[in-house]
Amino acid sequence: MATRTTTSNAPRRTPFLHVALALQALTIFLQAVSAGLLLTASYGETLHGVGARVMYGASMLYLLAAVLAWKPGGGSPRPVWHASGFLVLASAQVALGTAYVPSVHLPLGVLMFGLSVLALARR
């Protein structure tokens, strides 16, 4: 009877991490949509404000998923650093949006979306 051997170098499947990352990318994309509505519809500001809270929560969920994939799951700590960076960017994004600094808020949002899609594609 043949037995299957696993090594510590084998990549581990972490579906929660993938789902959390996809959710973060989706919420950032929806923030871009709601930013357009902010300029054209009366309810845009409310939608964008609620979306900011959801996006921030998704960033925290991504960090939690990365920590769970790393510590108890035995994975690489690299996703924890990426998720921490996203949370820092999300914090800056919320602060800049609240302070009405669109000259930095908008490009930072585009950067965050690009980094989210890149991280998702690398998974």
N, C-alpha and C. Protein backbone atom coordinates (compact mmCIF):
# COMPACT_ATOMS: atom_id res chain seq x y z
N MET A 1 0.84 -1.15 0.00
CA MET A 1 0.00 0.00 0.00
C MET A 1 0.90 1.24 0.00
N ALA A 2 0.66 2.13 -0.95
CA ALA A 2 1.47 3.34 -1.05
C ALA A 2 0.90 4.42 -0.12
N THR A 3 1.79 5.11 0.53
CA THR A 3 1.34 6.22 1.38
C THR A 3 1.76 7.52 0.75
N ARG A 4 0.98 8.52 1.02
CA ARG A 4 1.26 9.84 0.47
C ARG A 4 2.03 10.66 1.49
N THR A 5 3.14 11.20 1.08
CA THR A 5 3.97 11.98 1.97
C THR A 5 3.78 13.46 1.66
N THR A 6 3.63 14.24 2.71
CA THR A 6 3.54 15.69 2.52
C THR A 6 4.77 16.34 3.10
N THR A 7 5.17 17.40 2.49
CA THR A 7 6.33 18.13 2.99
C THR A 7 5.88 19.49 3.49
N SER A 8 6.69 20.11 4.31
CA SER A 8 6.35 21.42 4.84
C SER A 8 6.47 22.50 3.77
N ASN A 9 7.11 22.21 2.65
CA ASN A 9 7.26 23.19 1.59
C ASN A 9 6.07 23.19 0.63
N ALA A 10 5.18 22.24 0.77
CA ALA A 10 4.02 22.17 -0.12
C ALA A 10 3.08 23.32 0.17
N PRO A 11 2.53 23.95 -0.89
CA PRO A 11 1.61 25.06 -0.66
C PRO A 11 0.33 24.57 0.00
N ARG A 12 -0.15 25.34 0.94
CA ARG A 12 -1.36 24.97 1.66
C ARG A 12 -2.55 25.70 1.05
N ARG A 13 -3.67 25.01 1.02
CA ARG A 13 -4.90 25.61 0.51
C ARG A 13 -5.53 26.43 1.63
N THR A 14 -5.82 27.66 1.35
CA THR A 14 -6.43 28.54 2.34
C THR A 14 -7.62 29.26 1.69
N PRO A 15 -8.75 28.57 1.59
CA PRO A 15 -9.90 29.18 0.91
C PRO A 15 -10.42 30.43 1.63
N PHE A 16 -10.35 30.46 2.95
CA PHE A 16 -10.82 31.65 3.68
C PHE A 16 -9.99 32.87 3.29
N LEU A 17 -8.70 32.69 3.14
CA LEU A 17 -7.83 33.78 2.72
C LEU A 17 -8.20 34.26 1.31
N HIS A 18 -8.47 33.34 0.41
CA HIS A 18 -8.84 33.70 -0.96
C HIS A 18 -10.17 34.45 -0.99
N VAL A 19 -11.13 33.97 -0.22
CA VAL A 19 -12.44 34.61 -0.18
C VAL A 19 -12.32 36.02 0.42
N ALA A 20 -11.55 36.16 1.49
CA ALA A 20 -11.37 37.46 2.12
C ALA A 20 -10.69 38.45 1.17
N LEU A 21 -9.70 37.98 0.44
CA LEU A 21 -9.02 38.84 -0.52
C LEU A 21 -9.95 39.24 -1.65
N ALA A 22 -10.74 38.29 -2.15
CA ALA A 22 -11.70 38.60 -3.22
C ALA A 22 -12.76 39.58 -2.72
N LEU A 23 -13.21 39.41 -1.50
CA LEU A 23 -14.19 40.34 -0.92
C LEU A 23 -13.61 41.74 -0.81
N GLN A 24 -12.36 41.82 -0.40
CA GLN A 24 -11.72 43.14 -0.30
C GLN A 24 -11.63 43.80 -1.67
N ALA A 25 -11.21 43.06 -2.69
CA ALA A 25 -11.12 43.62 -4.05
C ALA A 25 -12.49 44.06 -4.54
N LEU A 26 -13.51 43.27 -4.26
CA LEU A 26 -14.87 43.61 -4.68
C LEU A 26 -15.36 44.88 -3.99
N THR A 27 -15.11 45.00 -2.69
CA THR A 27 -15.58 46.20 -1.98
C THR A 27 -14.84 47.45 -2.45
N ILE A 28 -13.57 47.31 -2.79
CA ILE A 28 -12.84 48.47 -3.31
C ILE A 28 -13.39 48.87 -4.67
N PHE A 29 -13.71 47.89 -5.51
CA PHE A 29 -14.33 48.19 -6.80
C PHE A 29 -15.68 48.88 -6.60
N LEU A 30 -16.48 48.40 -5.67
CA LEU A 30 -17.78 49.03 -5.41
C LEU A 30 -17.62 50.45 -4.87
N GLN A 31 -16.52 50.71 -4.18
CA GLN A 31 -16.24 52.07 -3.74
C GLN A 31 -16.00 52.99 -4.94
N ALA A 32 -15.35 52.48 -5.96
CA ALA A 32 -15.15 53.28 -7.18
C ALA A 32 -16.49 53.59 -7.84
N VAL A 33 -17.37 52.60 -7.87
CA VAL A 33 -18.71 52.82 -8.43
C VAL A 33 -19.47 53.84 -7.62
N SER A 34 -19.43 53.71 -6.30
CA SER A 34 -20.15 54.65 -5.45
C SER A 34 -19.52 56.05 -5.50
N ALA A 35 -18.23 56.14 -5.80
CA ALA A 35 -17.61 57.45 -5.97
C ALA A 35 -18.19 58.15 -7.19
N GLY A 36 -18.44 57.39 -8.24
CA GLY A 36 -19.11 57.96 -9.41
C GLY A 36 -20.51 58.42 -9.07
N LEU A 37 -21.22 57.63 -8.28
CA LEU A 37 -22.56 58.02 -7.85
C LEU A 37 -22.52 59.24 -6.93
N LEU A 38 -21.45 59.39 -6.20
CA LEU A 38 -21.26 60.54 -5.33
C LEU A 38 -21.35 61.84 -6.14
N LEU A 39 -20.86 61.78 -7.36
CA LEU A 39 -20.86 62.96 -8.23
C LEU A 39 -22.18 63.16 -8.97
N THR A 40 -22.99 62.11 -9.07
CA THR A 40 -24.17 62.20 -9.93
C THR A 40 -25.50 61.97 -9.23
N ALA A 41 -25.52 61.38 -8.06
CA ALA A 41 -26.79 61.05 -7.41
C ALA A 41 -26.84 61.60 -5.99
N SER A 42 -28.04 61.88 -5.53
CA SER A 42 -28.21 62.44 -4.18
C SER A 42 -27.85 61.42 -3.09
N TYR A 43 -28.02 60.15 -3.37
CA TYR A 43 -27.73 59.11 -2.38
C TYR A 43 -26.28 58.63 -2.45
N GLY A 44 -25.49 59.20 -3.35
CA GLY A 44 -24.11 58.75 -3.54
C GLY A 44 -23.24 58.90 -2.31
N GLU A 45 -23.42 60.00 -1.59
CA GLU A 45 -22.58 60.22 -0.40
C GLU A 45 -22.86 59.19 0.68
N THR A 46 -24.13 58.88 0.88
CA THR A 46 -24.49 57.85 1.86
C THR A 46 -23.94 56.49 1.46
N LEU A 47 -24.13 56.14 0.21
CA LEU A 47 -23.64 54.86 -0.30
C LEU A 47 -22.12 54.75 -0.18
N HIS A 48 -21.41 55.83 -0.49
CA HIS A 48 -19.95 55.83 -0.42
C HIS A 48 -19.49 55.72 1.04
N GLY A 49 -20.19 56.39 1.95
CA GLY A 49 -19.84 56.32 3.37
C GLY A 49 -20.04 54.93 3.94
N VAL A 50 -21.16 54.31 3.60
CA VAL A 50 -21.42 52.94 4.06
C VAL A 50 -20.41 51.99 3.44
N GLY A 51 -20.13 52.19 2.16
CA GLY A 51 -19.16 51.35 1.47
C GLY A 51 -17.77 51.45 2.08
N ALA A 52 -17.42 52.63 2.57
CA ALA A 52 -16.11 52.81 3.21
C ALA A 52 -16.00 51.93 4.45
N ARG A 53 -17.08 51.87 5.22
CA ARG A 53 -17.06 51.03 6.42
C ARG A 53 -16.98 49.55 6.05
N VAL A 54 -17.70 49.16 5.02
CA VAL A 54 -17.67 47.76 4.57
C VAL A 54 -16.28 47.40 4.04
N MET A 55 -15.68 48.32 3.26
CA MET A 55 -14.33 48.08 2.72
C MET A 55 -13.32 47.96 3.86
N TYR A 56 -13.45 48.79 4.88
CA TYR A 56 -12.53 48.73 6.01
C TYR A 56 -12.71 47.40 6.75
N GLY A 57 -13.95 46.98 6.92
CA GLY A 57 -14.22 45.69 7.54
C GLY A 57 -13.65 44.54 6.72
N ALA A 58 -13.76 44.64 5.39
CA ALA A 58 -13.19 43.60 4.52
C ALA A 58 -11.67 43.56 4.65
N SER A 59 -11.04 44.71 4.84
CA SER A 59 -9.59 44.75 5.02
C SER A 59 -9.19 44.09 6.35
N MET A 60 -10.01 44.30 7.38
CA MET A 60 -9.74 43.65 8.66
C MET A 60 -9.96 42.14 8.56
N LEU A 61 -10.99 41.73 7.80
CA LEU A 61 -11.24 40.31 7.59
C LEU A 61 -10.09 39.65 6.84
N TYR A 62 -9.54 40.36 5.86
CA TYR A 62 -8.39 39.85 5.12
C TYR A 62 -7.20 39.65 6.05
N LEU A 63 -6.97 40.59 6.95
CA LEU A 63 -5.87 40.44 7.91
C LEU A 63 -6.11 39.24 8.83
N LEU A 64 -7.33 39.09 9.30
CA LEU A 64 -7.66 37.94 10.15
C LEU A 64 -7.43 36.63 9.40
N ALA A 65 -7.88 36.57 8.16
CA ALA A 65 -7.70 35.35 7.36
C ALA A 65 -6.22 35.06 7.13
N ALA A 66 -5.43 36.11 6.91
CA ALA A 66 -3.99 35.92 6.70
C ALA A 66 -3.32 35.39 7.96
N VAL A 67 -3.71 35.92 9.11
CA VAL A 67 -3.14 35.46 10.38
C VAL A 67 -3.53 34.00 10.63
N LEU A 68 -4.79 33.66 10.35
CA LEU A 68 -5.23 32.28 10.56
C LEU A 68 -4.56 31.31 9.60
N ALA A 69 -4.27 31.76 8.39
CA ALA A 69 -3.58 30.90 7.43
C ALA A 69 -2.11 30.73 7.82
N TRP A 70 -1.57 31.72 8.51
CA TRP A 70 -0.16 31.69 8.86
C TRP A 70 0.09 30.92 10.16
N LYS A 71 -0.45 31.39 11.26
CA LYS A 71 -0.12 30.83 12.56
C LYS A 71 -0.66 29.41 12.74
N PRO A 72 -1.97 29.24 12.89
CA PRO A 72 -2.46 27.88 13.11
C PRO A 72 -2.33 27.00 11.86
N GLY A 73 -2.40 27.62 10.68
CA GLY A 73 -2.36 26.84 9.45
C GLY A 73 -0.97 26.48 8.99
N GLY A 74 0.03 27.12 9.54
CA GLY A 74 1.40 26.81 9.18
C GLY A 74 1.85 27.38 7.85
N GLY A 75 1.14 28.38 7.35
CA GLY A 75 1.50 28.98 6.08
C GLY A 75 2.59 30.03 6.21
N SER A 76 2.82 30.72 5.12
CA SER A 76 3.83 31.77 5.08
C SER A 76 3.32 33.03 5.77
N PRO A 77 4.20 33.80 6.41
CA PRO A 77 3.78 35.06 7.01
C PRO A 77 3.62 36.19 5.99
N ARG A 78 3.99 35.96 4.75
CA ARG A 78 3.92 37.01 3.72
C ARG A 78 2.51 37.60 3.56
N PRO A 79 1.44 36.78 3.51
CA PRO A 79 0.10 37.37 3.40
C PRO A 79 -0.26 38.27 4.58
N VAL A 80 0.31 37.99 5.75
CA VAL A 80 0.04 38.85 6.91
C VAL A 80 0.61 40.24 6.66
N TRP A 81 1.81 40.30 6.09
CA TRP A 81 2.40 41.60 5.77
C TRP A 81 1.60 42.33 4.71
N HIS A 82 1.14 41.60 3.70
CA HIS A 82 0.33 42.21 2.64
C HIS A 82 -0.99 42.74 3.21
N ALA A 83 -1.64 41.92 4.02
CA ALA A 83 -2.92 42.32 4.61
C ALA A 83 -2.74 43.50 5.56
N SER A 84 -1.64 43.52 6.29
CA SER A 84 -1.36 44.65 7.18
C SER A 84 -1.16 45.93 6.37
N GLY A 85 -0.46 45.81 5.26
CA GLY A 85 -0.27 46.96 4.38
C GLY A 85 -1.59 47.47 3.83
N PHE A 86 -2.47 46.55 3.44
CA PHE A 86 -3.79 46.95 2.95
C PHE A 86 -4.59 47.66 4.04
N LEU A 87 -4.48 47.18 5.27
CA LEU A 87 -5.20 47.81 6.36
C LEU A 87 -4.67 49.22 6.62
N VAL A 88 -3.37 49.40 6.51
CA VAL A 88 -2.79 50.74 6.65
C VAL A 88 -3.29 51.65 5.53
N LEU A 89 -3.28 51.13 4.29
CA LEU A 89 -3.79 51.92 3.17
C LEU A 89 -5.27 52.23 3.33
N ALA A 90 -6.05 51.27 3.82
CA ALA A 90 -7.48 51.50 4.04
C ALA A 90 -7.69 52.57 5.12
N SER A 91 -6.86 52.55 6.15
CA SER A 91 -6.96 53.56 7.21
C SER A 91 -6.66 54.95 6.65
N ALA A 92 -5.60 55.03 5.84
CA ALA A 92 -5.27 56.31 5.21
C ALA A 92 -6.38 56.76 4.27
N GLN A 93 -6.95 55.81 3.55
CA GLN A 93 -8.02 56.12 2.60
C GLN A 93 -9.23 56.70 3.32
N VAL A 94 -9.63 56.08 4.41
CA VAL A 94 -10.77 56.57 5.18
C VAL A 94 -10.46 57.96 5.76
N ALA A 95 -9.27 58.13 6.30
CA ALA A 95 -8.91 59.42 6.88
C ALA A 95 -8.89 60.52 5.81
N LEU A 96 -8.34 60.22 4.65
CA LEU A 96 -8.28 61.22 3.57
C LEU A 96 -9.66 61.52 3.02
N GLY A 97 -10.52 60.53 2.95
CA GLY A 97 -11.89 60.76 2.49
C GLY A 97 -12.67 61.61 3.48
N THR A 98 -12.50 61.32 4.77
CA THR A 98 -13.18 62.09 5.80
C THR A 98 -12.69 63.54 5.83
N ALA A 99 -11.41 63.72 5.53
CA ALA A 99 -10.82 65.07 5.51
C ALA A 99 -11.04 65.79 4.18
N TYR A 100 -11.72 65.16 3.24
CA TYR A 100 -11.99 65.73 1.91
C TYR A 100 -10.71 66.15 1.20
N VAL A 101 -9.81 65.19 1.01
CA VAL A 101 -8.57 65.41 0.29
C VAL A 101 -8.61 64.52 -0.96
N PRO A 102 -9.43 64.90 -1.96
CA PRO A 102 -9.60 64.03 -3.13
C PRO A 102 -8.35 63.88 -3.97
N SER A 103 -7.43 64.84 -3.91
CA SER A 103 -6.21 64.75 -4.72
C SER A 103 -5.33 63.57 -4.33
N VAL A 104 -5.48 63.07 -3.11
CA VAL A 104 -4.74 61.89 -2.66
C VAL A 104 -5.69 60.70 -2.51
N HIS A 105 -6.92 60.97 -2.08
CA HIS A 105 -7.92 59.92 -1.83
C HIS A 105 -8.22 59.12 -3.10
N LEU A 106 -8.41 59.79 -4.20
CA LEU A 106 -8.76 59.09 -5.45
C LEU A 106 -7.61 58.23 -5.99
N PRO A 107 -6.40 58.78 -6.14
CA PRO A 107 -5.30 57.91 -6.62
C PRO A 107 -4.99 56.75 -5.67
N LEU A 108 -5.14 56.99 -4.37
CA LEU A 108 -4.90 55.92 -3.41
C LEU A 108 -5.93 54.80 -3.59
N GLY A 109 -7.16 55.16 -3.88
CA GLY A 109 -8.19 54.17 -4.13
C GLY A 109 -7.88 53.34 -5.37
N VAL A 110 -7.39 53.99 -6.41
CA VAL A 110 -7.01 53.28 -7.63
C VAL A 110 -5.84 52.33 -7.33
N LEU A 111 -4.87 52.81 -6.58
CA LEU A 111 -3.73 51.98 -6.19
C LEU A 111 -4.18 50.77 -5.38
N MET A 112 -5.08 50.99 -4.44
CA MET A 112 -5.56 49.89 -3.61
C MET A 112 -6.30 48.84 -4.45
N PHE A 113 -7.09 49.30 -5.39
CA PHE A 113 -7.80 48.35 -6.24
C PHE A 113 -6.80 47.55 -7.08
N GLY A 114 -5.83 48.23 -7.66
CA GLY A 114 -4.82 47.55 -8.46
C GLY A 114 -4.04 46.53 -7.64
N LEU A 115 -3.66 46.90 -6.43
CA LEU A 115 -2.91 45.97 -5.57
C LEU A 115 -3.77 44.78 -5.15
N SER A 116 -5.07 45.04 -4.92
CA SER A 116 -5.98 43.94 -4.55
C SER A 116 -6.12 42.94 -5.70
N VAL A 117 -6.31 43.45 -6.89
CA VAL A 117 -6.44 42.57 -8.06
C VAL A 117 -5.14 41.82 -8.30
N LEU A 118 -4.01 42.49 -8.14
CA LEU A 118 -2.72 41.83 -8.31
C LEU A 118 -2.53 40.71 -7.27
N ALA A 119 -2.86 41.01 -6.02
CA ALA A 119 -2.73 40.00 -4.97
C ALA A 119 -3.67 38.82 -5.24
N LEU A 120 -4.86 39.12 -5.72
CA LEU A 120 -5.82 38.05 -6.03
C LEU A 120 -5.32 37.19 -7.18
N ALA A 121 -4.75 37.83 -8.18
CA ALA A 121 -4.22 37.09 -9.34
C ALA A 121 -3.02 36.22 -8.94
N ARG A 122 -2.24 36.67 -8.00
CA ARG A 122 -1.08 35.89 -7.55
C ARG A 122 -1.46 34.69 -6.74
N ARG A 123 -2.64 34.67 -6.17
CA ARG A 123 -3.11 33.53 -5.37
C ARG A 123 -3.57 32.46 -6.30
